[in-house]
Amino acid sequence: MAVTFKVTGIEQGEWAVLRVSGELDLMTSPVLRQHVHDVVAEGSHDLVVDLSDVFFCDSSGVGVLVAARRLLRSCQGRLRLILPDRGADDGSHVNRVLGALGVRRLFNVHPDLDSATTDEAGPLSA
């Protein structure tokens, strides 16, 4: 059975939001990378990447997230990730992968879109 990978963009106040679903791997990570670059090229430097519906992420997916963080920081922008404690079937796979690789602390992580796009809300602790 083929798994559909999809990235959709919306605006939430001053934030650009990319909702990602499916598997974030060697074949699909270039698609997310291009969406991030397109958002920045259009002038938005505040980005939320919603990974709630990503059920698999490999090192190339992590690489795209790290590169997106670096790109937005170079523009004095902000990157926030949505990684719920439970989601995408059996828990946030991306959350576990980032933790196992020791890079989760690099990201401003939130459980949902409302908290990610509200400046008063603090990130989840690493």
PDB file of N, CA and C in Angstrom:
ATOM      1  N   MET A   1       0.834  -1.179   0.000  1.00  0.00           N
ATOM      2  CA  MET A   1       0.000   0.000   0.000  1.00  0.00           C
ATOM      3  C   MET A   1       0.884   1.249   0.000  1.00  0.00           C
ATOM      4  N   ALA A   2       0.662   2.136  -0.919  1.00  0.00           N
ATOM      5  CA  ALA A   2       1.436   3.374  -1.022  1.00  0.00           C
ATOM      6  C   ALA A   2       0.980   4.370   0.042  1.00  0.00           C
ATOM      7  N   VAL A   3       1.945   5.043   0.622  1.00  0.00           N
ATOM      8  CA  VAL A   3       1.667   6.055   1.636  1.00  0.00           C
ATOM      9  C   VAL A   3       1.742   7.420   0.971  1.00  0.00           C
ATOM     10  N   THR A   4       0.737   8.227   1.212  1.00  0.00           N
ATOM     11  CA  THR A   4       0.696   9.553   0.621  1.00  0.00           C
ATOM     12  C   THR A   4       1.437  10.540   1.508  1.00  0.00           C
ATOM     13  N   PHE A   5       2.357  11.263   0.923  1.00  0.00           N
ATOM     14  CA  PHE A   5       3.052  12.343   1.624  1.00  0.00           C
ATOM     15  C   PHE A   5       2.453  13.646   1.143  1.00  0.00           C
ATOM     16  N   LYS A   6       2.152  14.528   2.076  1.00  0.00           N
ATOM     17  CA  LYS A   6       1.516  15.783   1.689  1.00  0.00           C
ATOM     18  C   LYS A   6       2.000  16.917   2.577  1.00  0.00           C
ATOM     19  N   VAL A   7       2.216  18.079   1.969  1.00  0.00           N
ATOM     20  CA  VAL A   7       2.528  19.308   2.688  1.00  0.00           C
ATOM     21  C   VAL A   7       1.526  20.350   2.227  1.00  0.00           C
ATOM     22  N   THR A   8       0.802  20.920   3.185  1.00  0.00           N
ATOM     23  CA  THR A   8      -0.138  21.990   2.861  1.00  0.00           C
ATOM     24  C   THR A   8       0.215  23.216   3.681  1.00  0.00           C
ATOM     25  N   GLY A   9       0.033  24.369   3.087  1.00  0.00           N
ATOM     26  CA  GLY A   9       0.369  25.621   3.761  1.00  0.00           C
ATOM     27  C   GLY A   9      -0.864  26.441   4.070  1.00  0.00           C
ATOM     28  N   ILE A  10      -0.852  27.061   5.255  1.00  0.00           N
ATOM     29  CA  ILE A  10      -1.898  27.992   5.651  1.00  0.00           C
ATOM     30  C   ILE A  10      -1.239  29.161   6.366  1.00  0.00           C
ATOM     31  N   GLU A  11      -1.998  30.206   6.594  1.00  0.00           N
ATOM     32  CA  GLU A  11      -1.536  31.340   7.387  1.00  0.00           C
ATOM     33  C   GLU A  11      -2.310  31.345   8.700  1.00  0.00           C
ATOM     34  N   GLN A  12      -1.632  31.611   9.789  1.00  0.00           N
ATOM     35  CA  GLN A  12      -2.257  31.731  11.106  1.00  0.00           C
ATOM     36  C   GLN A  12      -1.686  32.997  11.736  1.00  0.00           C
ATOM     37  N   GLY A  13      -2.386  34.112  11.542  1.00  0.00           N
ATOM     38  CA  GLY A  13      -1.862  35.389  12.013  1.00  0.00           C
ATOM     39  C   GLY A  13      -0.588  35.724  11.269  1.00  0.00           C
ATOM     40  N   GLU A  14       0.471  36.019  12.015  1.00  0.00           N
ATOM     41  CA  GLU A  14       1.762  36.356  11.403  1.00  0.00           C
ATOM     42  C   GLU A  14       2.580  35.123  11.045  1.00  0.00           C
ATOM     43  N   TRP A  15       2.063  33.951  11.322  1.00  0.00           N
ATOM     44  CA  TRP A  15       2.793  32.710  11.112  1.00  0.00           C
ATOM     45  C   TRP A  15       2.388  32.021   9.819  1.00  0.00           C
ATOM     46  N   ALA A  16       3.371  31.525   9.085  1.00  0.00           N
ATOM     47  CA  ALA A  16       3.126  30.591   8.001  1.00  0.00           C
ATOM     48  C   ALA A  16       3.142  29.202   8.636  1.00  0.00           C
ATOM     49  N   VAL A  17       2.211  28.365   8.239  1.00  0.00           N
ATOM     50  CA  VAL A  17       2.107  27.021   8.824  1.00  0.00           C
ATOM     51  C   VAL A  17       2.183  26.001   7.695  1.00  0.00           C
ATOM     52  N   LEU A  18       3.082  25.038   7.850  1.00  0.00           N
ATOM     53  CA  LEU A  18       3.166  23.911   6.930  1.00  0.00           C
ATOM     54  C   LEU A  18       2.713  22.665   7.671  1.00  0.00           C
ATOM     55  N   ARG A  19       1.634  22.064   7.182  1.00  0.00           N
ATOM     56  CA  ARG A  19       1.124  20.818   7.774  1.00  0.00           C
ATOM     57  C   ARG A  19       1.652  19.665   6.941  1.00  0.00           C
ATOM     58  N   VAL A  20       2.350  18.758   7.614  1.00  0.00           N
ATOM     59  CA  VAL A  20       3.016  17.655   6.940  1.00  0.00           C
ATOM     60  C   VAL A  20       2.346  16.351   7.362  1.00  0.00           C
ATOM     61  N   SER A  21       2.113  15.461   6.397  1.00  0.00           N
ATOM     62  CA  SER A  21       1.554  14.158   6.736  1.00  0.00           C
ATOM     63  C   SER A  21       2.220  13.072   5.902  1.00  0.00           C
ATOM     64  N   GLY A  22       2.302  11.890   6.488  1.00  0.00           N
ATOM     65  CA  GLY A  22       2.901  10.752   5.811  1.00  0.00           C
ATOM     66  C   GLY A  22       4.279  10.439   6.357  1.00  0.00           C
ATOM     67  N   GLU A  23       5.144   9.945   5.478  1.00  0.00           N
ATOM     68  CA  GLU A  23       6.509   9.582   5.848  1.00  0.00           C
ATOM     69  C   GLU A  23       7.472  10.673   5.394  1.00  0.00           C
ATOM     70  N   LEU A  24       8.309  11.130   6.315  1.00  0.00           N
ATOM     71  CA  LEU A  24       9.327  12.138   6.012  1.00  0.00           C
ATOM     72  C   LEU A  24      10.655  11.397   5.895  1.00  0.00           C
ATOM     73  N   ASP A  25      11.041  11.103   4.666  1.00  0.00           N
ATOM     74  CA  ASP A  25      12.215  10.272   4.441  1.00  0.00           C
ATOM     75  C   ASP A  25      13.043  10.797   3.265  1.00  0.00           C
ATOM     76  N   LEU A  26      13.968   9.984   2.807  1.00  0.00           N
ATOM     77  CA  LEU A  26      14.874  10.380   1.726  1.00  0.00           C
ATOM     78  C   LEU A  26      14.124  10.810   0.469  1.00  0.00           C
ATOM     79  N   MET A  27      13.012  10.175   0.175  1.00  0.00           N
ATOM     80  CA  MET A  27      12.249  10.497  -1.031  1.00  0.00           C
ATOM     81  C   MET A  27      11.391  11.747  -0.870  1.00  0.00           C
ATOM     82  N   THR A  28      10.886  12.006   0.335  1.00  0.00           N
ATOM     83  CA  THR A  28       9.926  13.096   0.524  1.00  0.00           C
ATOM     84  C   THR A  28      10.518  14.348   1.168  1.00  0.00           C
ATOM     85  N   SER A  29      11.643  14.215   1.840  1.00  0.00           N
ATOM     86  CA  SER A  29      12.212  15.384   2.527  1.00  0.00           C
ATOM     87  C   SER A  29      12.552  16.546   1.577  1.00  0.00           C
ATOM     88  N   PRO A  30      12.955  16.291   0.315  1.00  0.00           N
ATOM     89  CA  PRO A  30      13.174  17.436  -0.582  1.00  0.00           C
ATOM     90  C   PRO A  30      11.903  18.264  -0.821  1.00  0.00           C
ATOM     91  N   VAL A  31      10.745  17.629  -0.744  1.00  0.00           N
ATOM     92  CA  VAL A  31       9.481  18.347  -0.924  1.00  0.00           C
ATOM     93  C   VAL A  31       9.282  19.324   0.240  1.00  0.00           C
ATOM     94  N   LEU A  32       9.508  18.857   1.462  1.00  0.00           N
ATOM     95  CA  LEU A  32       9.383  19.749   2.615  1.00  0.00           C
ATOM     96  C   LEU A  32      10.428  20.860   2.545  1.00  0.00           C
ATOM     97  N   ARG A  33      11.646  20.512   2.177  1.00  0.00           N
ATOM     98  CA  ARG A  33      12.706  21.518   2.054  1.00  0.00           C
ATOM     99  C   ARG A  33      12.283  22.627   1.081  1.00  0.00           C
ATOM    100  N   GLN A  34      11.715  22.236  -0.049  1.00  0.00           N
ATOM    101  CA  GLN A  34      11.284  23.230  -1.040  1.00  0.00           C
ATOM    102  C   GLN A  34      10.160  24.110  -0.485  1.00  0.00           C
ATOM    103  N   HIS A  35       9.224  23.535   0.245  1.00  0.00           N
ATOM    104  CA  HIS A  35       8.148  24.324   0.846  1.00  0.00           C
ATOM    105  C   HIS A  35       8.703  25.346   1.836  1.00  0.00           C
ATOM    106  N   VAL A  36       9.676  24.932   2.643  1.00  0.00           N
ATOM    107  CA  VAL A  36      10.293  25.857   3.604  1.00  0.00           C
ATOM    108  C   VAL A  36      10.958  27.001   2.852  1.00  0.00           C
ATOM    109  N   HIS A  37      11.720  26.680   1.817  1.00  0.00           N
ATOM    110  CA  HIS A  37      12.397  27.719   1.033  1.00  0.00           C
ATOM    111  C   HIS A  37      11.395  28.650   0.360  1.00  0.00           C
ATOM    112  N   ASP A  38      10.290  28.089  -0.119  1.00  0.00           N
ATOM    113  CA  ASP A  38       9.259  28.919  -0.744  1.00  0.00           C
ATOM    114  C   ASP A  38       8.648  29.891   0.253  1.00  0.00           C
ATOM    115  N   VAL A  39       8.386  29.428   1.460  1.00  0.00           N
ATOM    116  CA  VAL A  39       7.815  30.300   2.507  1.00  0.00           C
ATOM    117  C   VAL A  39       8.758  31.464   2.790  1.00  0.00           C
ATOM    118  N   VAL A  40      10.040  31.168   2.929  1.00  0.00           N
ATOM    119  CA  VAL A  40      11.021  32.217   3.219  1.00  0.00           C
ATOM    120  C   VAL A  40      11.158  33.157   2.014  1.00  0.00           C
ATOM    121  N   ALA A  41      11.181  32.613   0.807  1.00  0.00           N
ATOM    122  CA  ALA A  41      11.299  33.436  -0.396  1.00  0.00           C
ATOM    123  C   ALA A  41      10.109  34.380  -0.550  1.00  0.00           C
ATOM    124  N   GLU A  42       8.945  33.972  -0.048  1.00  0.00           N
ATOM    125  CA  GLU A  42       7.756  34.822  -0.103  1.00  0.00           C
ATOM    126  C   GLU A  42       7.747  35.880   0.997  1.00  0.00           C
ATOM    127  N   GLY A  43       8.783  35.870   1.848  1.00  0.00           N
ATOM    128  CA  GLY A  43       8.936  36.914   2.853  1.00  0.00           C
ATOM    129  C   GLY A  43       8.476  36.572   4.245  1.00  0.00           C
ATOM    130  N   SER A  44       8.023  35.369   4.463  1.00  0.00           N
ATOM    131  CA  SER A  44       7.604  34.967   5.811  1.00  0.00           C
ATOM    132  C   SER A  44       8.795  34.353   6.537  1.00  0.00           C
ATOM    133  N   HIS A  45       9.094  34.880   7.713  1.00  0.00           N
ATOM    134  CA  HIS A  45      10.220  34.371   8.495  1.00  0.00           C
ATOM    135  C   HIS A  45       9.784  33.773   9.820  1.00  0.00           C
ATOM    136  N   ASP A  46       8.496  33.616  10.005  1.00  0.00           N
ATOM    137  CA  ASP A  46       7.947  32.953  11.187  1.00  0.00           C
ATOM    138  C   ASP A  46       7.178  31.739  10.689  1.00  0.00           C
ATOM    139  N   LEU A  47       7.695  30.558  11.006  1.00  0.00           N
ATOM    140  CA  LEU A  47       7.173  29.326  10.425  1.00  0.00           C
ATOM    141  C   LEU A  47       6.869  28.296  11.503  1.00  0.00           C
ATOM    142  N   VAL A  48       5.697  27.694  11.385  1.00  0.00           N
ATOM    143  CA  VAL A  48       5.323  26.539  12.200  1.00  0.00           C
ATOM    144  C   VAL A  48       5.267  25.340  11.263  1.00  0.00           C
ATOM    145  N   VAL A  49       5.926  24.261  11.646  1.00  0.00           N
ATOM    146  CA  VAL A  49       5.838  23.015  10.898  1.00  0.00           C
ATOM    147  C   VAL A  49       5.074  22.024  11.770  1.00  0.00           C
ATOM    148  N   ASP A  50       3.885  21.675  11.318  1.00  0.00           N
ATOM    149  CA  ASP A  50       3.013  20.757  12.055  1.00  0.00           C
ATOM    150  C   ASP A  50       3.319  19.337  11.611  1.00  0.00           C
ATOM    151  N   LEU A  51       3.933  18.579  12.504  1.00  0.00           N
ATOM    152  CA  LEU A  51       4.345  17.209  12.208  1.00  0.00           C
ATOM    153  C   LEU A  51       3.442  16.188  12.893  1.00  0.00           C
ATOM    154  N   SER A  52       2.259  16.613  13.297  1.00  0.00           N
ATOM    155  CA  SER A  52       1.327  15.744  14.023  1.00  0.00           C
ATOM    156  C   SER A  52       0.962  14.488  13.249  1.00  0.00           C
ATOM    157  N   ASP A  53       0.915  14.574  11.928  1.00  0.00           N
ATOM    158  CA  ASP A  53       0.488  13.442  11.106  1.00  0.00           C
ATOM    159  C   ASP A  53       1.638  12.762  10.372  1.00  0.00           C
ATOM    160  N   VAL A  54       2.853  12.982  10.858  1.00  0.00           N
ATOM    161  CA  VAL A  54       4.018  12.277  10.306  1.00  0.00           C
ATOM    162  C   VAL A  54       4.242  11.044  11.176  1.00  0.00           C
ATOM    163  N   PHE A  55       4.193   9.871  10.552  1.00  0.00           N
ATOM    164  CA  PHE A  55       4.342   8.649  11.338  1.00  0.00           C
ATOM    165  C   PHE A  55       5.682   7.945  11.135  1.00  0.00           C
ATOM    166  N   PHE A  56       6.531   8.528  10.284  1.00  0.00           N
ATOM    167  CA  PHE A  56       7.887   8.014  10.120  1.00  0.00           C
ATOM    168  C   PHE A  56       8.784   9.158   9.706  1.00  0.00           C
ATOM    169  N   CYS A  57       9.977   9.205  10.296  1.00  0.00           N
ATOM    170  CA  CYS A  57      10.964  10.231   9.947  1.00  0.00           C
ATOM    171  C   CYS A  57      12.347   9.603  10.028  1.00  0.00           C
ATOM    172  N   ASP A  58      13.126   9.746   8.963  1.00  0.00           N
ATOM    173  CA  ASP A  58      14.494   9.245   8.992  1.00  0.00           C
ATOM    174  C   ASP A  58      15.475  10.413   9.090  1.00  0.00           C
ATOM    175  N   SER A  59      16.745  10.116   8.971  1.00  0.00           N
ATOM    176  CA  SER A  59      17.768  11.150   9.167  1.00  0.00           C
ATOM    177  C   SER A  59      17.675  12.265   8.129  1.00  0.00           C
ATOM    178  N   SER A  60      17.215  11.965   6.926  1.00  0.00           N
ATOM    179  CA  SER A  60      17.079  13.034   5.929  1.00  0.00           C
ATOM    180  C   SER A  60      15.965  13.997   6.327  1.00  0.00           C
ATOM    181  N   GLY A  61      14.904  13.502   6.938  1.00  0.00           N
ATOM    182  CA  GLY A  61      13.848  14.366   7.455  1.00  0.00           C
ATOM    183  C   GLY A  61      14.347  15.245   8.577  1.00  0.00           C
ATOM    184  N   VAL A  62      15.132  14.659   9.481  1.00  0.00           N
ATOM    185  CA  VAL A  62      15.727  15.442  10.572  1.00  0.00           C
ATOM    186  C   VAL A  62      16.649  16.500   9.985  1.00  0.00           C
ATOM    187  N   GLY A  63      17.396  16.140   8.959  1.00  0.00           N
ATOM    188  CA  GLY A  63      18.287  17.102   8.310  1.00  0.00           C
ATOM    189  C   GLY A  63      17.543  18.294   7.749  1.00  0.00           C
ATOM    190  N   VAL A  64      16.369  18.059   7.175  1.00  0.00           N
ATOM    191  CA  VAL A  64      15.560  19.160   6.644  1.00  0.00           C
ATOM    192  C   VAL A  64      15.109  20.075   7.777  1.00  0.00           C
ATOM    193  N   LEU A  65      14.715  19.496   8.914  1.00  0.00           N
ATOM    194  CA  LEU A  65      14.276  20.318  10.049  1.00  0.00           C
ATOM    195  C   LEU A  65      15.427  21.149  10.616  1.00  0.00           C
ATOM    196  N   VAL A  66      16.599  20.549  10.723  1.00  0.00           N
ATOM    197  CA  VAL A  66      17.783  21.282  11.206  1.00  0.00           C
ATOM    198  C   VAL A  66      18.147  22.397  10.227  1.00  0.00           C
ATOM    199  N   ALA A  67      18.103  22.112   8.931  1.00  0.00           N
ATOM    200  CA  ALA A  67      18.413  23.129   7.917  1.00  0.00           C
ATOM    201  C   ALA A  67      17.380  24.253   7.939  1.00  0.00           C
ATOM    202  N   ALA A  68      16.109  23.905   8.161  1.00  0.00           N
ATOM    203  CA  ALA A  68      15.061  24.935   8.243  1.00  0.00           C
ATOM    204  C   ALA A  68      15.313  25.839   9.440  1.00  0.00           C
ATOM    205  N   ARG A  69      15.705  25.257  10.548  1.00  0.00           N
ATOM    206  CA  ARG A  69      16.039  26.055  11.743  1.00  0.00           C
ATOM    207  C   ARG A  69      17.174  27.027  11.436  1.00  0.00           C
ATOM    208  N   ARG A  70      18.208  26.520  10.783  1.00  0.00           N
ATOM    209  CA  ARG A  70      19.369  27.356  10.443  1.00  0.00           C
ATOM    210  C   ARG A  70      18.965  28.483   9.481  1.00  0.00           C
ATOM    211  N   LEU A  71      18.168  28.154   8.465  1.00  0.00           N
ATOM    212  CA  LEU A  71      17.718  29.145   7.490  1.00  0.00           C
ATOM    213  C   LEU A  71      16.911  30.258   8.166  1.00  0.00           C
ATOM    214  N   LEU A  72      15.961  29.882   8.992  1.00  0.00           N
ATOM    215  CA  LEU A  72      15.117  30.892   9.640  1.00  0.00           C
ATOM    216  C   LEU A  72      15.904  31.732  10.636  1.00  0.00           C
ATOM    217  N   ARG A  73      16.837  31.122  11.339  1.00  0.00           N
ATOM    218  CA  ARG A  73      17.675  31.905  12.261  1.00  0.00           C
ATOM    219  C   ARG A  73      18.526  32.913  11.495  1.00  0.00           C
ATOM    220  N   SER A  74      18.985  32.537  10.296  1.00  0.00           N
ATOM    221  CA  SER A  74      19.807  33.460   9.500  1.00  0.00           C
ATOM    222  C   SER A  74      18.991  34.660   9.026  1.00  0.00           C
ATOM    223  N   CYS A  75      17.670  34.512   8.988  1.00  0.00           N
ATOM    224  CA  CYS A  75      16.762  35.598   8.584  1.00  0.00           C
ATOM    225  C   CYS A  75      16.161  36.307   9.803  1.00  0.00           C
ATOM    226  N   GLN A  76      16.689  36.029  10.996  1.00  0.00           N
ATOM    227  CA  GLN A  76      16.106  36.527  12.241  1.00  0.00           C
ATOM    228  C   GLN A  76      14.644  36.089  12.376  1.00  0.00           C
ATOM    229  N   GLY A  77      14.338  34.919  11.849  1.00  0.00           N
ATOM    230  CA  GLY A  77      12.995  34.368  11.923  1.00  0.00           C
ATOM    231  C   GLY A  77      12.858  33.372  13.052  1.00  0.00           C
ATOM    232  N   ARG A  78      11.676  32.774  13.114  1.00  0.00           N
ATOM    233  CA  ARG A  78      11.379  31.799  14.165  1.00  0.00           C
ATOM    234  C   ARG A  78      10.798  30.537  13.540  1.00  0.00           C
ATOM    235  N   LEU A  79      11.209  29.395  14.089  1.00  0.00           N
ATOM    236  CA  LEU A  79      10.680  28.099  13.680  1.00  0.00           C
ATOM    237  C   LEU A  79      10.112  27.421  14.910  1.00  0.00           C
ATOM    238  N   ARG A  80       8.891  26.945  14.782  1.00  0.00           N
ATOM    239  CA  ARG A  80       8.252  26.169  15.843  1.00  0.00           C
ATOM    240  C   ARG A  80       7.718  24.881  15.237  1.00  0.00           C
ATOM    241  N   LEU A  81       7.865  23.810  15.995  1.00  0.00           N
ATOM    242  CA  LEU A  81       7.359  22.509  15.556  1.00  0.00           C
ATOM    243  C   LEU A  81       6.160  22.120  16.404  1.00  0.00           C
ATOM    244  N   ILE A  82       5.190  21.470  15.780  1.00  0.00           N
ATOM    245  CA  ILE A  82       4.090  20.869  16.523  1.00  0.00           C
ATOM    246  C   ILE A  82       4.356  19.373  16.559  1.00  0.00           C
ATOM    247  N   LEU A  83       4.593  18.887  17.780  1.00  0.00           N
ATOM    248  CA  LEU A  83       4.854  17.468  18.027  1.00  0.00           C
ATOM    249  C   LEU A  83       4.054  17.051  19.248  1.00  0.00           C
ATOM    250  N   PRO A  84       2.837  16.567  19.055  1.00  0.00           N
ATOM    251  CA  PRO A  84       2.039  16.167  20.217  1.00  0.00           C
ATOM    252  C   PRO A  84       2.644  14.949  20.900  1.00  0.00           C
ATOM    253  N   ASP A  85       2.370  14.796  22.191  1.00  0.00           N
ATOM    254  CA  ASP A  85       2.850  13.622  22.914  1.00  0.00           C
ATOM    255  C   ASP A  85       2.323  12.336  22.277  1.00  0.00           C
ATOM    256  N   ARG A  86       1.060  12.372  21.889  1.00  0.00           N
ATOM    257  CA  ARG A  86       0.451  11.245  21.195  1.00  0.00           C
ATOM    258  C   ARG A  86      -0.114  11.767  19.886  1.00  0.00           C
ATOM    259  N   GLY A  87       0.071  11.040  18.843  1.00  0.00           N
ATOM    260  CA  GLY A  87      -0.441  11.465  17.543  1.00  0.00           C
ATOM    261  C   GLY A  87       0.128  10.588  16.455  1.00  0.00           C
ATOM    262  N   ALA A  88      -0.337  10.768  15.259  1.00  0.00           N
ATOM    263  CA  ALA A  88       0.123   9.982  14.108  1.00  0.00           C
ATOM    264  C   ALA A  88       0.150   8.493  14.454  1.00  0.00           C
ATOM    265  N   ASP A  89      -0.982   7.998  14.857  1.00  0.00           N
ATOM    266  CA  ASP A  89      -1.216   6.591  15.202  1.00  0.00           C
ATOM    267  C   ASP A  89      -0.704   6.229  16.591  1.00  0.00           C
ATOM    268  N   ASP A  90       0.558   5.930  16.761  1.00  0.00           N
ATOM    269  CA  ASP A  90       1.026   5.373  18.031  1.00  0.00           C
ATOM    270  C   ASP A  90       1.942   6.310  18.812  1.00  0.00           C
ATOM    271  N   GLY A  91       1.842   7.584  18.617  1.00  0.00           N
ATOM    272  CA  GLY A  91       2.707   8.534  19.311  1.00  0.00           C
ATOM    273  C   GLY A  91       3.539   9.285  18.297  1.00  0.00           C
ATOM    274  N   SER A  92       4.094  10.391  18.695  1.00  0.00           N
ATOM    275  CA  SER A  92       4.846  11.208  17.760  1.00  0.00           C
ATOM    276  C   SER A  92       6.199  10.573  17.466  1.00  0.00           C
ATOM    277  N   HIS A  93       6.264   9.908  16.328  1.00  0.00           N
ATOM    278  CA  HIS A  93       7.508   9.271  15.911  1.00  0.00           C
ATOM    279  C   HIS A  93       8.624  10.315  15.779  1.00  0.00           C
ATOM    280  N   VAL A  94       8.292  11.460  15.227  1.00  0.00           N
ATOM    281  CA  VAL A  94       9.301  12.503  15.035  1.00  0.00           C
ATOM    282  C   VAL A  94       9.867  12.939  16.382  1.00  0.00           C
ATOM    283  N   ASN A  95       9.000  13.078  17.370  1.00  0.00           N
ATOM    284  CA  ASN A  95       9.442  13.460  18.713  1.00  0.00           C
ATOM    285  C   ASN A  95      10.462  12.449  19.252  1.00  0.00           C
ATOM    286  N   ARG A  96      10.177  11.173  19.073  1.00  0.00           N
ATOM    287  CA  ARG A  96      11.087  10.128  19.549  1.00  0.00           C
ATOM    288  C   ARG A  96      12.407  10.144  18.778  1.00  0.00           C
ATOM    289  N   VAL A  97      12.334  10.346  17.464  1.00  0.00           N
ATOM    290  CA  VAL A  97      13.553  10.366  16.649  1.00  0.00           C
ATOM    291  C   VAL A  97      14.433  11.558  17.032  1.00  0.00           C
ATOM    292  N   LEU A  98      13.829  12.745  17.161  1.00  0.00           N
ATOM    293  CA  LEU A  98      14.614  13.929  17.539  1.00  0.00           C
ATOM    294  C   LEU A  98      15.255  13.734  18.906  1.00  0.00           C
ATOM    295  N   GLY A  99      14.512  13.137  19.844  1.00  0.00           N
ATOM    296  CA  GLY A  99      15.063  12.867  21.173  1.00  0.00           C
ATOM    297  C   GLY A  99      16.205  11.868  21.127  1.00  0.00           C
ATOM    298  N   ALA A 100      16.035  10.793  20.363  1.00  0.00           N
ATOM    299  CA  ALA A 100      17.068   9.761  20.264  1.00  0.00           C
ATOM    300  C   ALA A 100      18.347  10.306  19.642  1.00  0.00           C
ATOM    301  N   LEU A 101      18.207  11.240  18.712  1.00  0.00           N
ATOM    302  CA  LEU A 101      19.383  11.829  18.050  1.00  0.00           C
ATOM    303  C   LEU A 101      19.990  12.979  18.856  1.00  0.00           C
ATOM    304  N   GLY A 102      19.320  13.381  19.930  1.00  0.00           N
ATOM    305  CA  GLY A 102      19.841  14.451  20.783  1.00  0.00           C
ATOM    306  C   GLY A 102      19.677  15.842  20.205  1.00  0.00           C
ATOM    307  N   VAL A 103      18.762  16.023  19.250  1.00  0.00           N
ATOM    308  CA  VAL A 103      18.585  17.345  18.642  1.00  0.00           C
ATOM    309  C   VAL A 103      17.242  17.995  18.994  1.00  0.00           C
ATOM    310  N   ARG A 104      16.404  17.316  19.761  1.00  0.00           N
ATOM    311  CA  ARG A 104      15.095  17.876  20.083  1.00  0.00           C
ATOM    312  C   ARG A 104      15.222  19.202  20.812  1.00  0.00           C
ATOM    313  N   ARG A 105      16.255  19.333  21.626  1.00  0.00           N
ATOM    314  CA  ARG A 105      16.467  20.569  22.392  1.00  0.00           C
ATOM    315  C   ARG A 105      16.721  21.783  21.495  1.00  0.00           C
ATOM    316  N   LEU A 106      17.064  21.548  20.235  1.00  0.00           N
ATOM    317  CA  LEU A 106      17.307  22.652  19.307  1.00  0.00           C
ATOM    318  C   LEU A 106      16.018  23.330  18.862  1.00  0.00           C
ATOM    319  N   PHE A 107      14.898  22.643  19.047  1.00  0.00           N
ATOM    320  CA  PHE A 107      13.638  23.111  18.485  1.00  0.00           C
ATOM    321  C   PHE A 107      12.673  23.626  19.546  1.00  0.00           C
ATOM    322  N   ASN A 108      11.909  24.613  19.145  1.00  0.00           N
ATOM    323  CA  ASN A 108      10.838  25.172  19.952  1.00  0.00           C
ATOM    324  C   ASN A 108       9.609  24.317  19.632  1.00  0.00           C
ATOM    325  N   VAL A 109       9.240  23.423  20.566  1.00  0.00           N
ATOM    326  CA  VAL A 109       8.220  22.410  20.315  1.00  0.00           C
ATOM    327  C   VAL A 109       6.937  22.722  21.079  1.00  0.00           C
ATOM    328  N   HIS A 110       5.809  22.557  20.397  1.00  0.00           N
ATOM    329  CA  HIS A 110       4.495  22.831  20.976  1.00  0.00           C
ATOM    330  C   HIS A 110       3.559  21.665  20.692  1.00  0.00           C
ATOM    331  N   PRO A 111       2.518  21.499  21.522  1.00  0.00           N
ATOM    332  CA  PRO A 111       1.604  20.373  21.328  1.00  0.00           C
ATOM    333  C   PRO A 111       0.504  20.608  20.295  1.00  0.00           C
ATOM    334  N   ASP A 112       0.239  21.879  19.946  1.00  0.00           N
ATOM    335  CA  ASP A 112      -0.852  22.170  19.019  1.00  0.00           C
ATOM    336  C   ASP A 112      -0.634  23.533  18.361  1.00  0.00           C
ATOM    337  N   LEU A 113      -1.463  23.825  17.357  1.00  0.00           N
ATOM    338  CA  LEU A 113      -1.307  25.051  16.571  1.00  0.00           C
ATOM    339  C   LEU A 113      -1.544  26.298  17.401  1.00  0.00           C
ATOM    340  N   ASP A 114      -2.537  26.283  18.268  1.00  0.00           N
ATOM    341  CA  ASP A 114      -2.827  27.472  19.077  1.00  0.00           C
ATOM    342  C   ASP A 114      -1.633  27.870  19.941  1.00  0.00           C
ATOM    343  N   SER A 115      -1.031  26.906  20.616  1.00  0.00           N
ATOM    344  CA  SER A 115       0.111  27.252  21.467  1.00  0.00           C
ATOM    345  C   SER A 115       1.335  27.636  20.633  1.00  0.00           C
ATOM    346  N   ALA A 116       1.481  27.055  19.453  1.00  0.00           N
ATOM    347  CA  ALA A 116       2.638  27.366  18.603  1.00  0.00           C
ATOM    348  C   ALA A 116       2.565  28.769  18.020  1.00  0.00           C
ATOM    349  N   THR A 117       1.358  29.290  17.844  1.00  0.00           N
ATOM    350  CA  THR A 117       1.212  30.605  17.213  1.00  0.00           C
ATOM    351  C   THR A 117       0.862  31.703  18.208  1.00  0.00           C
ATOM    352  N   THR A 118       0.927  31.377  19.496  1.00  0.00           N
ATOM    353  CA  THR A 118       0.687  32.365  20.540  1.00  0.00           C
ATOM    354  C   THR A 118       2.010  32.670  21.208  1.00  0.00           C
ATOM    355  N   ASP A 119       2.427  33.926  21.182  1.00  0.00           N
ATOM    356  CA  ASP A 119       3.725  34.282  21.738  1.00  0.00           C
ATOM    357  C   ASP A 119       3.799  34.124  23.246  1.00  0.00           C
ATOM    358  N   GLU A 120       2.667  34.193  23.944  1.00  0.00           N
ATOM    359  CA  GLU A 120       2.700  34.054  25.404  1.00  0.00           C
ATOM    360  C   GLU A 120       2.993  32.625  25.831  1.00  0.00           C
ATOM    361  N   ALA A 121       2.662  31.667  24.966  1.00  0.00           N
ATOM    362  CA  ALA A 121       2.836  30.269  25.325  1.00  0.00           C
ATOM    363  C   ALA A 121       4.298  29.878  25.262  1.00  0.00           C
ATOM    364  N   GLY A 122       4.749  29.172  26.275  1.00  0.00           N
ATOM    365  CA  GLY A 122       6.109  28.662  26.287  1.00  0.00           C
ATOM    366  C   GLY A 122       6.164  27.314  25.610  1.00  0.00           C
ATOM    367  N   PRO A 123       7.322  26.918  25.104  1.00  0.00           N
ATOM    368  CA  PRO A 123       7.447  25.616  24.458  1.00  0.00           C
ATOM    369  C   PRO A 123       7.394  24.501  25.483  1.00  0.00           C
ATOM    370  N   LEU A 124       7.161  23.290  25.000  1.00  0.00           N
ATOM    371  CA  LEU A 124       7.261  22.123  25.862  1.00  0.00           C
ATOM    372  C   LEU A 124       8.713  21.961  26.275  1.00  0.00           C
ATOM    373  N   SER A 125       8.918  21.453  27.471  1.00  0.00           N
ATOM    374  CA  SER A 125      10.307  21.248  27.900  1.00  0.00           C
ATOM    375  C   SER A 125      10.897  20.059  27.159  1.00  0.00           C
ATOM    376  N   ALA A 126      12.198  20.116  26.973  1.00  0.00           N
ATOM    377  CA  ALA A 126      12.893  19.027  26.261  1.00  0.00           C
ATOM    378  C   ALA A 126      13.106  17.931  27.186  1.00  0.00           C
TER     379      ALA A 126
END
